[in-house]
Amino acid sequence: MEKYEIVLEKAVNNGPIVRKEFKVVVKPGLTKGDYEAIGDEIVGRLKAGNCRAAIIWFYFEGDGVDGAFTAARVEWGPDGDWGKADVGTDCDNYRVSTKVLRTRSISDILDLTVRDVAKEFGIPIEFLRKAPPPVKALKITLEISLDKRKEIYYHIVQEEDRLHGQANNVARAAENVAQKYGVPVDQIKTIGWEGVERNWPDPPIKS
């Protein structure tokens, strides 16, 4: 099995439901099968405890682990979705689902010119040049499709409107949408910026 390092293991409890979040550092070049094998090994020891579901964020060496994952994501739960875990579900029927983001590290990708990155990943050059900072814009664009980003942006604005007048409504809206889509909050905030910058449709204003 490929070597890996667990740099974070955190319980994410929702009432009586115990979920675990992991951040794992790996070397570039792993296959989907490699990530699944690592996920199976980590999940194997959770089954003996009271954990009901887990999500594992993979990062490449040198990319840092404070932001969005840079390599892959593995979820363990009903139908491979950790968000579906419930007290009454049977862990023996859970399965692992895997999404590979890229096989190269962010630092390797950023060695390309802006034009090369824009062409390879379908990112408008103007947006890539103005993104604050470009690394975050690159991460969300590679991880989430354009249609899905537009959908998420729609719900960000909708949630901000719903919380209008309440304290910290923007931050709370980002957290709520992040939980709904299983996307890190920093990606949600960058999608919000992208939607404003690119003039994506807002939800209808309630009268």
N, C-alpha and C. Protein backbone atom coordinates (compact mmCIF):
# COMPACT_ATOMS: atom_id res chain seq x y z
N MET A 1 0.84 -1.20 0.00
CA MET A 1 0.00 0.00 0.00
C MET A 1 0.88 1.26 0.00
N GLU A 2 0.40 2.30 -0.68
CA GLU A 2 1.13 3.56 -0.72
C GLU A 2 1.21 4.18 0.68
N LYS A 3 2.34 4.87 0.96
CA LYS A 3 2.51 5.50 2.26
C LYS A 3 1.63 6.73 2.37
N TYR A 4 1.17 7.00 3.58
CA TYR A 4 0.36 8.20 3.82
C TYR A 4 0.55 8.63 5.27
N GLU A 5 0.20 9.90 5.55
CA GLU A 5 0.32 10.43 6.90
C GLU A 5 -0.99 11.12 7.29
N ILE A 6 -1.60 10.66 8.37
CA ILE A 6 -2.79 11.31 8.90
C ILE A 6 -2.36 12.51 9.73
N VAL A 7 -2.73 13.72 9.29
CA VAL A 7 -2.32 14.93 10.00
C VAL A 7 -3.47 15.52 10.82
N LEU A 8 -4.69 15.02 10.59
CA LEU A 8 -5.84 15.48 11.39
C LEU A 8 -6.85 14.35 11.50
N GLU A 9 -7.33 14.13 12.70
CA GLU A 9 -8.44 13.20 12.94
C GLU A 9 -9.37 13.90 13.92
N LYS A 10 -10.57 14.23 13.47
CA LYS A 10 -11.47 15.04 14.28
C LYS A 10 -12.88 14.46 14.27
N ALA A 11 -13.49 14.41 15.45
CA ALA A 11 -14.89 13.96 15.54
C ALA A 11 -15.80 15.11 15.13
N VAL A 12 -16.75 14.81 14.27
CA VAL A 12 -17.75 15.79 13.83
C VAL A 12 -19.11 15.22 14.20
N ASN A 13 -19.58 15.57 15.39
CA ASN A 13 -20.81 14.96 15.91
C ASN A 13 -22.03 15.78 15.56
N ASN A 14 -23.09 15.07 15.20
CA ASN A 14 -24.39 15.69 14.92
C ASN A 14 -25.41 14.99 15.81
N GLY A 15 -25.59 15.50 17.04
CA GLY A 15 -26.43 14.80 18.00
C GLY A 15 -25.79 13.47 18.36
N PRO A 16 -26.56 12.39 18.30
CA PRO A 16 -26.01 11.07 18.66
C PRO A 16 -25.17 10.44 17.55
N ILE A 17 -25.15 11.07 16.37
CA ILE A 17 -24.42 10.50 15.24
C ILE A 17 -22.96 10.96 15.30
N VAL A 18 -22.05 9.99 15.34
CA VAL A 18 -20.62 10.29 15.41
C VAL A 18 -20.00 10.12 14.04
N ARG A 19 -19.46 11.21 13.50
CA ARG A 19 -18.74 11.16 12.24
C ARG A 19 -17.28 11.54 12.49
N LYS A 20 -16.39 11.09 11.63
CA LYS A 20 -14.98 11.43 11.75
C LYS A 20 -14.51 12.11 10.47
N GLU A 21 -13.69 13.14 10.65
CA GLU A 21 -13.07 13.84 9.52
C GLU A 21 -11.57 13.63 9.60
N PHE A 22 -10.95 13.30 8.47
CA PHE A 22 -9.51 13.08 8.42
C PHE A 22 -8.89 13.97 7.36
N LYS A 23 -7.66 14.40 7.61
CA LYS A 23 -6.83 15.02 6.58
C LYS A 23 -5.58 14.17 6.45
N VAL A 24 -5.28 13.77 5.22
CA VAL A 24 -4.20 12.81 4.97
C VAL A 24 -3.27 13.38 3.90
N VAL A 25 -1.98 13.30 4.14
CA VAL A 25 -0.98 13.78 3.18
C VAL A 25 -0.38 12.58 2.43
N VAL A 26 -0.32 12.71 1.10
CA VAL A 26 0.22 11.64 0.25
C VAL A 26 1.16 12.24 -0.80
N LYS A 27 1.87 11.39 -1.49
CA LYS A 27 2.70 11.82 -2.60
C LYS A 27 1.87 11.86 -3.89
N PRO A 28 2.22 12.72 -4.86
CA PRO A 28 1.50 12.75 -6.14
C PRO A 28 1.60 11.42 -6.87
N GLY A 29 0.65 11.19 -7.78
CA GLY A 29 0.71 10.03 -8.65
C GLY A 29 -0.13 8.84 -8.22
N LEU A 30 -0.88 8.95 -7.12
CA LEU A 30 -1.70 7.83 -6.68
C LEU A 30 -2.89 7.63 -7.60
N THR A 31 -3.34 6.39 -7.71
CA THR A 31 -4.52 6.06 -8.51
C THR A 31 -5.76 6.05 -7.63
N LYS A 32 -6.91 5.94 -8.25
CA LYS A 32 -8.16 5.82 -7.49
C LYS A 32 -8.11 4.60 -6.58
N GLY A 33 -7.54 3.51 -7.08
CA GLY A 33 -7.43 2.30 -6.28
C GLY A 33 -6.56 2.51 -5.05
N ASP A 34 -5.50 3.32 -5.18
CA ASP A 34 -4.63 3.62 -4.04
C ASP A 34 -5.41 4.36 -2.96
N TYR A 35 -6.20 5.36 -3.38
CA TYR A 35 -6.98 6.12 -2.40
C TYR A 35 -8.02 5.23 -1.73
N GLU A 36 -8.64 4.35 -2.51
CA GLU A 36 -9.64 3.45 -1.94
C GLU A 36 -9.00 2.50 -0.92
N ALA A 37 -7.79 2.03 -1.21
CA ALA A 37 -7.10 1.13 -0.29
C ALA A 37 -6.78 1.85 1.03
N ILE A 38 -6.31 3.09 0.93
CA ILE A 38 -6.02 3.87 2.14
C ILE A 38 -7.32 4.12 2.90
N GLY A 39 -8.37 4.48 2.17
CA GLY A 39 -9.67 4.71 2.80
C GLY A 39 -10.17 3.47 3.52
N ASP A 40 -10.04 2.31 2.89
CA ASP A 40 -10.49 1.05 3.51
C ASP A 40 -9.72 0.77 4.79
N GLU A 41 -8.42 1.08 4.78
CA GLU A 41 -7.60 0.83 5.97
C GLU A 41 -8.03 1.73 7.12
N ILE A 42 -8.24 3.01 6.83
CA ILE A 42 -8.67 3.94 7.88
C ILE A 42 -10.06 3.59 8.38
N VAL A 43 -10.96 3.30 7.46
CA VAL A 43 -12.34 2.96 7.83
C VAL A 43 -12.38 1.65 8.62
N GLY A 44 -11.46 0.73 8.31
CA GLY A 44 -11.46 -0.57 8.97
C GLY A 44 -11.38 -0.45 10.48
N ARG A 45 -10.59 0.50 10.97
CA ARG A 45 -10.48 0.64 12.42
C ARG A 45 -11.63 1.44 13.01
N LEU A 46 -12.35 2.20 12.18
CA LEU A 46 -13.51 2.93 12.69
C LEU A 46 -14.69 2.00 12.94
N LYS A 47 -14.79 0.94 12.16
CA LYS A 47 -15.92 0.02 12.29
C LYS A 47 -15.96 -0.65 13.66
N ALA A 48 -14.80 -0.74 14.30
CA ALA A 48 -14.75 -1.38 15.61
C ALA A 48 -15.23 -0.43 16.72
N GLY A 49 -15.35 0.85 16.42
CA GLY A 49 -15.77 1.83 17.41
C GLY A 49 -17.22 2.25 17.19
N ASN A 50 -17.52 3.47 17.66
CA ASN A 50 -18.90 3.97 17.55
C ASN A 50 -19.08 4.97 16.43
N CYS A 51 -18.07 5.10 15.58
CA CYS A 51 -18.17 6.06 14.47
C CYS A 51 -19.18 5.56 13.45
N ARG A 52 -20.04 6.46 12.97
CA ARG A 52 -21.10 6.08 12.04
C ARG A 52 -20.79 6.44 10.60
N ALA A 53 -19.79 7.29 10.37
CA ALA A 53 -19.45 7.71 9.01
C ALA A 53 -18.14 8.47 9.05
N ALA A 54 -17.53 8.66 7.87
CA ALA A 54 -16.25 9.38 7.83
C ALA A 54 -16.04 10.01 6.47
N ILE A 55 -15.25 11.08 6.48
CA ILE A 55 -14.80 11.70 5.24
C ILE A 55 -13.30 11.92 5.36
N ILE A 56 -12.57 11.61 4.30
CA ILE A 56 -11.11 11.69 4.31
C ILE A 56 -10.68 12.62 3.19
N TRP A 57 -10.03 13.73 3.56
CA TRP A 57 -9.53 14.69 2.59
C TRP A 57 -8.05 14.38 2.34
N PHE A 58 -7.65 14.22 1.10
CA PHE A 58 -6.26 13.94 0.76
C PHE A 58 -5.57 15.17 0.18
N TYR A 59 -4.35 15.41 0.63
CA TYR A 59 -3.55 16.54 0.18
C TYR A 59 -2.19 16.03 -0.29
N PHE A 60 -1.64 16.68 -1.29
CA PHE A 60 -0.29 16.34 -1.72
C PHE A 60 0.73 17.01 -0.82
N GLU A 61 1.89 16.38 -0.68
CA GLU A 61 2.99 16.97 0.07
C GLU A 61 3.34 18.34 -0.51
N GLY A 62 3.49 19.32 0.36
CA GLY A 62 3.86 20.66 -0.07
C GLY A 62 2.70 21.57 -0.39
N ASP A 63 1.47 21.04 -0.47
CA ASP A 63 0.32 21.88 -0.81
C ASP A 63 -0.29 22.56 0.41
N GLY A 64 0.02 22.08 1.62
CA GLY A 64 -0.62 22.62 2.81
C GLY A 64 -1.98 21.98 3.02
N VAL A 65 -2.43 21.94 4.27
CA VAL A 65 -3.69 21.25 4.59
C VAL A 65 -4.72 22.18 5.23
N ASP A 66 -4.47 23.49 5.19
CA ASP A 66 -5.39 24.43 5.82
C ASP A 66 -6.59 24.76 4.95
N GLY A 67 -6.45 24.59 3.64
CA GLY A 67 -7.55 24.92 2.74
C GLY A 67 -8.24 23.69 2.20
N ALA A 68 -8.80 23.83 1.00
CA ALA A 68 -9.52 22.73 0.37
C ALA A 68 -8.56 21.60 -0.01
N PHE A 69 -9.10 20.38 -0.06
CA PHE A 69 -8.25 19.23 -0.40
C PHE A 69 -7.72 19.38 -1.82
N THR A 70 -6.52 18.83 -2.07
CA THR A 70 -5.85 19.04 -3.35
C THR A 70 -5.66 17.76 -4.14
N ALA A 71 -5.95 16.61 -3.55
CA ALA A 71 -5.67 15.34 -4.24
C ALA A 71 -6.93 14.51 -4.46
N ALA A 72 -7.62 14.14 -3.38
CA ALA A 72 -8.79 13.27 -3.51
C ALA A 72 -9.64 13.36 -2.25
N ARG A 73 -10.84 12.78 -2.35
CA ARG A 73 -11.76 12.72 -1.21
C ARG A 73 -12.35 11.32 -1.16
N VAL A 74 -12.40 10.75 0.03
CA VAL A 74 -13.02 9.44 0.23
C VAL A 74 -14.10 9.59 1.30
N GLU A 75 -15.30 9.10 1.01
CA GLU A 75 -16.40 9.13 1.98
C GLU A 75 -16.81 7.71 2.34
N TRP A 76 -17.17 7.51 3.60
CA TRP A 76 -17.68 6.23 4.06
C TRP A 76 -19.03 6.46 4.73
N GLY A 77 -20.05 5.82 4.20
CA GLY A 77 -21.39 5.98 4.74
C GLY A 77 -22.40 5.24 3.87
N PRO A 78 -23.68 5.39 4.16
CA PRO A 78 -24.71 4.76 3.32
C PRO A 78 -24.61 5.25 1.88
N ASP A 79 -24.53 4.33 0.94
CA ASP A 79 -24.39 4.67 -0.49
C ASP A 79 -23.13 5.51 -0.73
N GLY A 80 -22.13 5.38 0.14
CA GLY A 80 -20.90 6.15 -0.02
C GLY A 80 -21.04 7.61 0.31
N ASP A 81 -22.08 7.99 1.08
CA ASP A 81 -22.35 9.38 1.41
C ASP A 81 -22.38 9.52 2.92
N TRP A 82 -21.37 10.19 3.49
CA TRP A 82 -21.31 10.28 4.95
C TRP A 82 -22.45 11.13 5.51
N GLY A 83 -23.05 11.98 4.68
CA GLY A 83 -24.15 12.81 5.13
C GLY A 83 -25.43 12.04 5.38
N LYS A 84 -25.52 10.82 4.87
CA LYS A 84 -26.73 9.99 5.04
C LYS A 84 -26.70 9.14 6.31
N ALA A 85 -25.61 9.19 7.04
CA ALA A 85 -25.48 8.35 8.23
C ALA A 85 -26.55 8.69 9.25
N ASP A 86 -27.09 7.66 9.88
CA ASP A 86 -28.12 7.84 10.89
C ASP A 86 -27.92 6.79 11.97
N VAL A 87 -28.56 7.00 13.11
CA VAL A 87 -28.41 6.08 14.23
C VAL A 87 -28.89 4.68 13.87
N GLY A 88 -29.93 4.62 13.07
CA GLY A 88 -30.52 3.31 12.77
C GLY A 88 -29.89 2.57 11.61
N THR A 89 -28.91 3.17 10.93
CA THR A 89 -28.32 2.51 9.77
C THR A 89 -27.28 1.48 10.19
N ASP A 90 -27.13 0.44 9.39
CA ASP A 90 -26.22 -0.65 9.67
C ASP A 90 -24.88 -0.39 8.99
N CYS A 91 -23.84 -0.21 9.77
CA CYS A 91 -22.53 0.12 9.22
C CYS A 91 -21.99 -0.97 8.30
N ASP A 92 -22.44 -2.19 8.50
CA ASP A 92 -21.96 -3.29 7.66
C ASP A 92 -22.38 -3.12 6.20
N ASN A 93 -23.42 -2.33 5.98
CA ASN A 93 -23.91 -2.10 4.62
C ASN A 93 -23.37 -0.80 4.01
N TYR A 94 -22.51 -0.11 4.74
CA TYR A 94 -21.91 1.10 4.22
C TYR A 94 -20.92 0.76 3.10
N ARG A 95 -20.60 1.74 2.29
CA ARG A 95 -19.56 1.55 1.29
C ARG A 95 -18.72 2.82 1.20
N VAL A 96 -17.59 2.69 0.53
CA VAL A 96 -16.67 3.82 0.35
C VAL A 96 -16.84 4.38 -1.05
N SER A 97 -16.94 5.70 -1.17
CA SER A 97 -16.96 6.35 -2.48
C SER A 97 -15.73 7.25 -2.58
N THR A 98 -15.17 7.32 -3.79
CA THR A 98 -13.90 8.03 -3.97
C THR A 98 -13.98 9.00 -5.14
N LYS A 99 -13.50 10.21 -4.94
CA LYS A 99 -13.38 11.19 -6.01
C LYS A 99 -11.93 11.65 -6.07
N VAL A 100 -11.27 11.43 -7.21
CA VAL A 100 -9.89 11.88 -7.40
C VAL A 100 -9.92 13.24 -8.05
N LEU A 101 -9.28 14.21 -7.43
CA LEU A 101 -9.29 15.58 -7.92
C LEU A 101 -8.21 15.78 -8.99
N ARG A 102 -6.99 15.40 -8.70
CA ARG A 102 -5.90 15.55 -9.65
C ARG A 102 -4.75 14.64 -9.24
N THR A 103 -3.81 14.43 -10.16
CA THR A 103 -2.65 13.58 -9.87
C THR A 103 -1.38 14.40 -9.69
N ARG A 104 -1.49 15.73 -9.90
CA ARG A 104 -0.34 16.61 -9.71
C ARG A 104 -0.61 17.58 -8.57
N SER A 105 0.45 18.01 -7.92
CA SER A 105 0.29 18.95 -6.81
C SER A 105 -0.02 20.35 -7.34
N ILE A 106 -0.59 21.18 -6.46
CA ILE A 106 -0.90 22.56 -6.82
C ILE A 106 0.37 23.29 -7.25
N SER A 107 1.48 23.04 -6.55
CA SER A 107 2.72 23.73 -6.90
C SER A 107 3.18 23.37 -8.30
N ASP A 108 2.99 22.10 -8.69
CA ASP A 108 3.35 21.69 -10.05
C ASP A 108 2.46 22.39 -11.07
N ILE A 109 1.17 22.45 -10.78
CA ILE A 109 0.22 23.08 -11.71
C ILE A 109 0.52 24.56 -11.88
N LEU A 110 0.89 25.22 -10.77
CA LEU A 110 1.12 26.66 -10.82
C LEU A 110 2.42 27.01 -11.53
N ASP A 111 3.24 26.00 -11.85
CA ASP A 111 4.43 26.25 -12.66
C ASP A 111 4.05 26.55 -14.11
N LEU A 112 2.83 26.17 -14.50
CA LEU A 112 2.34 26.48 -15.84
C LEU A 112 2.05 27.98 -15.93
N THR A 113 1.99 28.51 -17.14
CA THR A 113 1.59 29.90 -17.30
C THR A 113 0.09 30.03 -17.08
N VAL A 114 -0.37 31.25 -16.85
CA VAL A 114 -1.81 31.49 -16.69
C VAL A 114 -2.57 30.99 -17.90
N ARG A 115 -2.03 31.22 -19.09
CA ARG A 115 -2.71 30.79 -20.31
C ARG A 115 -2.79 29.27 -20.39
N ASP A 116 -1.73 28.57 -19.98
CA ASP A 116 -1.74 27.11 -19.99
C ASP A 116 -2.79 26.55 -19.04
N VAL A 117 -2.84 27.13 -17.83
CA VAL A 117 -3.82 26.68 -16.83
C VAL A 117 -5.24 26.92 -17.33
N ALA A 118 -5.47 28.11 -17.88
CA ALA A 118 -6.80 28.45 -18.39
C ALA A 118 -7.23 27.47 -19.48
N LYS A 119 -6.30 27.12 -20.37
CA LYS A 119 -6.63 26.21 -21.46
C LYS A 119 -6.85 24.79 -20.96
N GLU A 120 -5.99 24.31 -20.06
CA GLU A 120 -6.08 22.92 -19.60
C GLU A 120 -7.33 22.67 -18.77
N PHE A 121 -7.72 23.64 -17.94
CA PHE A 121 -8.81 23.41 -17.01
C PHE A 121 -10.07 24.22 -17.33
N GLY A 122 -10.08 24.91 -18.45
CA GLY A 122 -11.28 25.63 -18.88
C GLY A 122 -11.63 26.81 -18.01
N ILE A 123 -10.61 27.48 -17.45
CA ILE A 123 -10.84 28.64 -16.60
C ILE A 123 -10.62 29.91 -17.42
N PRO A 124 -11.57 30.84 -17.43
CA PRO A 124 -11.35 32.09 -18.17
C PRO A 124 -10.08 32.80 -17.68
N ILE A 125 -9.25 33.25 -18.60
CA ILE A 125 -7.99 33.89 -18.24
C ILE A 125 -8.23 35.12 -17.37
N GLU A 126 -9.24 35.92 -17.72
CA GLU A 126 -9.51 37.14 -16.96
C GLU A 126 -9.85 36.82 -15.51
N PHE A 127 -10.64 35.76 -15.31
CA PHE A 127 -11.01 35.37 -13.95
C PHE A 127 -9.80 34.88 -13.18
N LEU A 128 -8.97 34.06 -13.83
CA LEU A 128 -7.81 33.50 -13.16
C LEU A 128 -6.84 34.61 -12.72
N ARG A 129 -6.71 35.65 -13.52
CA ARG A 129 -5.80 36.75 -13.20
C ARG A 129 -6.30 37.59 -12.03
N LYS A 130 -7.62 37.66 -11.85
CA LYS A 130 -8.18 38.53 -10.82
C LYS A 130 -8.54 37.78 -9.54
N ALA A 131 -8.53 36.44 -9.58
CA ALA A 131 -9.00 35.67 -8.43
C ALA A 131 -8.16 35.97 -7.19
N PRO A 132 -8.81 36.06 -5.99
CA PRO A 132 -8.06 36.41 -4.78
C PRO A 132 -7.94 35.24 -3.80
N PRO A 133 -6.86 34.51 -3.72
CA PRO A 133 -5.75 34.45 -4.68
C PRO A 133 -6.01 33.41 -5.75
N PRO A 134 -5.23 33.32 -6.82
CA PRO A 134 -5.47 32.36 -7.89
C PRO A 134 -5.51 30.91 -7.44
N VAL A 135 -4.73 30.55 -6.41
CA VAL A 135 -4.71 29.15 -5.97
C VAL A 135 -6.10 28.69 -5.56
N LYS A 136 -6.81 29.51 -4.81
CA LYS A 136 -8.15 29.10 -4.37
C LYS A 136 -9.09 28.98 -5.56
N ALA A 137 -9.02 29.94 -6.47
CA ALA A 137 -9.88 29.87 -7.65
C ALA A 137 -9.59 28.62 -8.44
N LEU A 138 -8.32 28.26 -8.54
CA LEU A 138 -7.94 27.07 -9.28
C LEU A 138 -8.48 25.82 -8.59
N LYS A 139 -8.38 25.78 -7.27
CA LYS A 139 -8.86 24.62 -6.53
C LYS A 139 -10.34 24.38 -6.76
N ILE A 140 -11.16 25.42 -6.61
CA ILE A 140 -12.60 25.20 -6.74
C ILE A 140 -12.97 24.86 -8.16
N THR A 141 -12.27 25.43 -9.14
CA THR A 141 -12.61 25.17 -10.53
C THR A 141 -12.29 23.73 -10.90
N LEU A 142 -11.19 23.21 -10.38
CA LEU A 142 -10.83 21.83 -10.68
C LEU A 142 -11.73 20.84 -9.97
N GLU A 143 -12.20 21.18 -8.81
CA GLU A 143 -12.98 20.24 -8.01
C GLU A 143 -14.46 20.22 -8.38
N ILE A 144 -15.03 21.36 -8.72
CA ILE A 144 -16.48 21.48 -8.91
C ILE A 144 -16.79 21.98 -10.31
N SER A 145 -17.73 21.33 -10.98
CA SER A 145 -18.08 21.72 -12.34
C SER A 145 -18.71 23.11 -12.35
N LEU A 146 -18.70 23.74 -13.53
CA LEU A 146 -19.26 25.09 -13.66
C LEU A 146 -20.73 25.10 -13.29
N ASP A 147 -21.52 24.13 -13.78
CA ASP A 147 -22.94 24.09 -13.46
C ASP A 147 -23.18 23.94 -11.96
N LYS A 148 -22.36 23.10 -11.31
CA LYS A 148 -22.53 22.91 -9.87
C LYS A 148 -22.13 24.16 -9.11
N ARG A 149 -21.09 24.87 -9.55
CA ARG A 149 -20.70 26.11 -8.89
C ARG A 149 -21.81 27.16 -9.00
N LYS A 150 -22.45 27.22 -10.18
CA LYS A 150 -23.57 28.16 -10.34
C LYS A 150 -24.73 27.80 -9.41
N GLU A 151 -24.98 26.51 -9.28
CA GLU A 151 -26.05 26.05 -8.37
C GLU A 151 -25.72 26.42 -6.93
N ILE A 152 -24.46 26.20 -6.53
CA ILE A 152 -24.04 26.53 -5.17
C ILE A 152 -24.15 28.03 -4.93
N TYR A 153 -23.72 28.82 -5.91
CA TYR A 153 -23.81 30.27 -5.77
C TYR A 153 -25.26 30.71 -5.56
N TYR A 154 -26.17 30.14 -6.31
CA TYR A 154 -27.59 30.44 -6.18
C TYR A 154 -28.05 30.22 -4.73
N HIS A 155 -27.64 29.10 -4.15
CA HIS A 155 -28.05 28.77 -2.78
C HIS A 155 -27.32 29.61 -1.74
N ILE A 156 -26.12 30.07 -2.06
CA ILE A 156 -25.43 30.99 -1.14
C ILE A 156 -26.23 32.27 -1.00
N VAL A 157 -26.62 32.86 -2.14
CA VAL A 157 -27.39 34.10 -2.12
C VAL A 157 -28.74 33.87 -1.46
N GLN A 158 -29.36 32.74 -1.77
CA GLN A 158 -30.67 32.41 -1.18
C GLN A 158 -30.57 32.31 0.35
N GLU A 159 -29.50 31.69 0.82
CA GLU A 159 -29.32 31.53 2.27
C GLU A 159 -28.98 32.85 2.93
N GLU A 160 -28.19 33.69 2.26
CA GLU A 160 -27.88 35.01 2.81
C GLU A 160 -29.16 35.84 2.95
N ASP A 161 -30.04 35.74 1.94
CA ASP A 161 -31.32 36.46 2.01
C ASP A 161 -32.18 35.95 3.16
N ARG A 162 -32.16 34.63 3.34
CA ARG A 162 -32.98 34.03 4.41
C ARG A 162 -32.51 34.51 5.78
N LEU A 163 -31.20 34.70 5.92
CA LEU A 163 -30.63 35.11 7.21
C LEU A 163 -30.45 36.63 7.31
N HIS A 164 -30.96 37.37 6.34
CA HIS A 164 -30.78 38.82 6.31
C HIS A 164 -31.26 39.45 7.62
N GLY A 165 -30.45 40.35 8.16
CA GLY A 165 -30.80 41.03 9.40
C GLY A 165 -30.29 40.32 10.64
N GLN A 166 -29.81 39.10 10.50
CA GLN A 166 -29.27 38.36 11.63
C GLN A 166 -27.75 38.55 11.71
N ALA A 167 -27.20 38.34 12.88
CA ALA A 167 -25.76 38.52 13.07
C ALA A 167 -24.97 37.52 12.24
N ASN A 168 -23.90 38.00 11.64
CA ASN A 168 -23.00 37.14 10.87
C ASN A 168 -23.72 36.33 9.79
N ASN A 169 -24.68 36.96 9.12
CA ASN A 169 -25.49 36.21 8.15
C ASN A 169 -24.67 35.68 6.98
N VAL A 170 -23.66 36.41 6.54
CA VAL A 170 -22.86 35.96 5.40
C VAL A 170 -22.03 34.74 5.78
N ALA A 171 -21.36 34.81 6.93
CA ALA A 171 -20.54 33.67 7.38
C ALA A 171 -21.41 32.45 7.66
N ARG A 172 -22.56 32.68 8.30
CA ARG A 172 -23.45 31.56 8.61
C ARG A 172 -24.02 30.93 7.35
N ALA A 173 -24.33 31.77 6.36
CA ALA A 173 -24.84 31.24 5.09
C ALA A 173 -23.80 30.36 4.43
N ALA A 174 -22.54 30.80 4.44
CA ALA A 174 -21.47 30.01 3.84
C ALA A 174 -21.32 28.67 4.55
N GLU A 175 -21.41 28.68 5.88
CA GLU A 175 -21.29 27.44 6.64
C GLU A 175 -22.45 26.49 6.35
N ASN A 176 -23.66 27.04 6.24
CA ASN A 176 -24.84 26.21 5.97
C ASN A 176 -24.76 25.57 4.58
N VAL A 177 -24.34 26.34 3.59
CA VAL A 177 -24.24 25.82 2.23
C VAL A 177 -23.09 24.81 2.14
N ALA A 178 -22.01 25.07 2.85
CA ALA A 178 -20.89 24.13 2.88
C ALA A 178 -21.34 22.78 3.41
N GLN A 179 -22.14 22.80 4.48
CA GLN A 179 -22.63 21.55 5.06
C GLN A 179 -23.59 20.85 4.10
N LYS A 180 -24.42 21.62 3.42
CA LYS A 180 -25.40 21.05 2.49
C LYS A 180 -24.72 20.32 1.35
N TYR A 181 -23.63 20.88 0.83
CA TYR A 181 -22.97 20.31 -0.35
C TYR A 181 -21.72 19.49 -0.01
N GLY A 182 -21.33 19.47 1.26
CA GLY A 182 -20.13 18.74 1.63
C GLY A 182 -18.87 19.35 1.03
N VAL A 183 -18.85 20.69 0.95
CA VAL A 183 -17.73 21.42 0.36
C VAL A 183 -17.12 22.31 1.45
N PRO A 184 -15.79 22.38 1.55
CA PRO A 184 -15.17 23.25 2.56
C PRO A 184 -15.63 24.70 2.44
N VAL A 185 -15.71 25.39 3.58
CA VAL A 185 -16.22 26.75 3.62
C VAL A 185 -15.40 27.69 2.76
N ASP A 186 -14.07 27.51 2.70
CA ASP A 186 -13.27 28.44 1.91
C ASP A 186 -13.61 28.33 0.43
N GLN A 187 -13.99 27.13 -0.03
CA GLN A 187 -14.43 26.99 -1.42
C GLN A 187 -15.77 27.69 -1.63
N ILE A 188 -16.67 27.56 -0.66
CA ILE A 188 -17.98 28.22 -0.76
C ILE A 188 -17.80 29.73 -0.88
N LYS A 189 -16.92 30.29 -0.07
CA LYS A 189 -16.69 31.75 -0.11
C LYS A 189 -16.12 32.17 -1.45
N THR A 190 -15.23 31.34 -2.01
CA THR A 190 -14.64 31.69 -3.31
C THR A 190 -15.66 31.56 -4.42
N ILE A 191 -16.55 30.57 -4.32
CA ILE A 191 -17.63 30.44 -5.30
C ILE A 191 -18.53 31.67 -5.24
N GLY A 192 -18.78 32.16 -4.02
CA GLY A 192 -19.58 33.38 -3.87
C GLY A 192 -18.92 34.55 -4.57
N TRP A 193 -17.60 34.68 -4.40
CA TRP A 193 -16.87 35.75 -5.08
C TRP A 193 -16.96 35.57 -6.59
N GLU A 194 -16.76 34.33 -7.05
CA GLU A 194 -16.78 34.07 -8.49
C GLU A 194 -18.15 34.42 -9.09
N GLY A 195 -19.23 34.06 -8.37
CA GLY A 195 -20.58 34.34 -8.87
C GLY A 195 -20.83 35.82 -9.04
N VAL A 196 -20.36 36.62 -8.07
CA VAL A 196 -20.51 38.08 -8.18
C VAL A 196 -19.67 38.61 -9.33
N GLU A 197 -18.41 38.15 -9.42
CA GLU A 197 -17.48 38.62 -10.43
C GLU A 197 -17.97 38.31 -11.84
N ARG A 198 -18.60 37.13 -12.00
CA ARG A 198 -19.03 36.70 -13.33
C ARG A 198 -20.52 36.91 -13.57
N ASN A 199 -21.17 37.61 -12.61
CA ASN A 199 -22.56 38.03 -12.77
C ASN A 199 -23.49 36.84 -13.00
N TRP A 200 -23.37 35.81 -12.16
CA TRP A 200 -24.26 34.66 -12.27
C TRP A 200 -25.64 35.02 -11.74
N PRO A 201 -26.68 34.33 -12.19
CA PRO A 201 -28.05 34.66 -11.78
C PRO A 201 -28.26 34.53 -10.27
N ASP A 202 -28.95 35.51 -9.69
CA ASP A 202 -29.36 35.45 -8.29
C ASP A 202 -30.76 34.87 -8.18
N PRO A 203 -31.15 34.36 -7.02
CA PRO A 203 -32.55 33.94 -6.83
C PRO A 203 -33.48 35.14 -6.94
N PRO A 204 -34.74 34.93 -7.33
CA PRO A 204 -35.69 36.04 -7.39
C PRO A 204 -35.82 36.73 -6.03
N ILE A 205 -35.92 38.04 -6.05
CA ILE A 205 -36.10 38.80 -4.80
C ILE A 205 -37.52 38.63 -4.29
N LYS A 206 -37.63 38.23 -3.01
CA LYS A 206 -38.97 38.03 -2.42
C LYS A 206 -39.58 39.39 -2.10
N SER A 207 -40.85 39.51 -2.48
CA SER A 207 -41.55 40.78 -2.21
C SER A 207 -42.09 40.79 -0.79
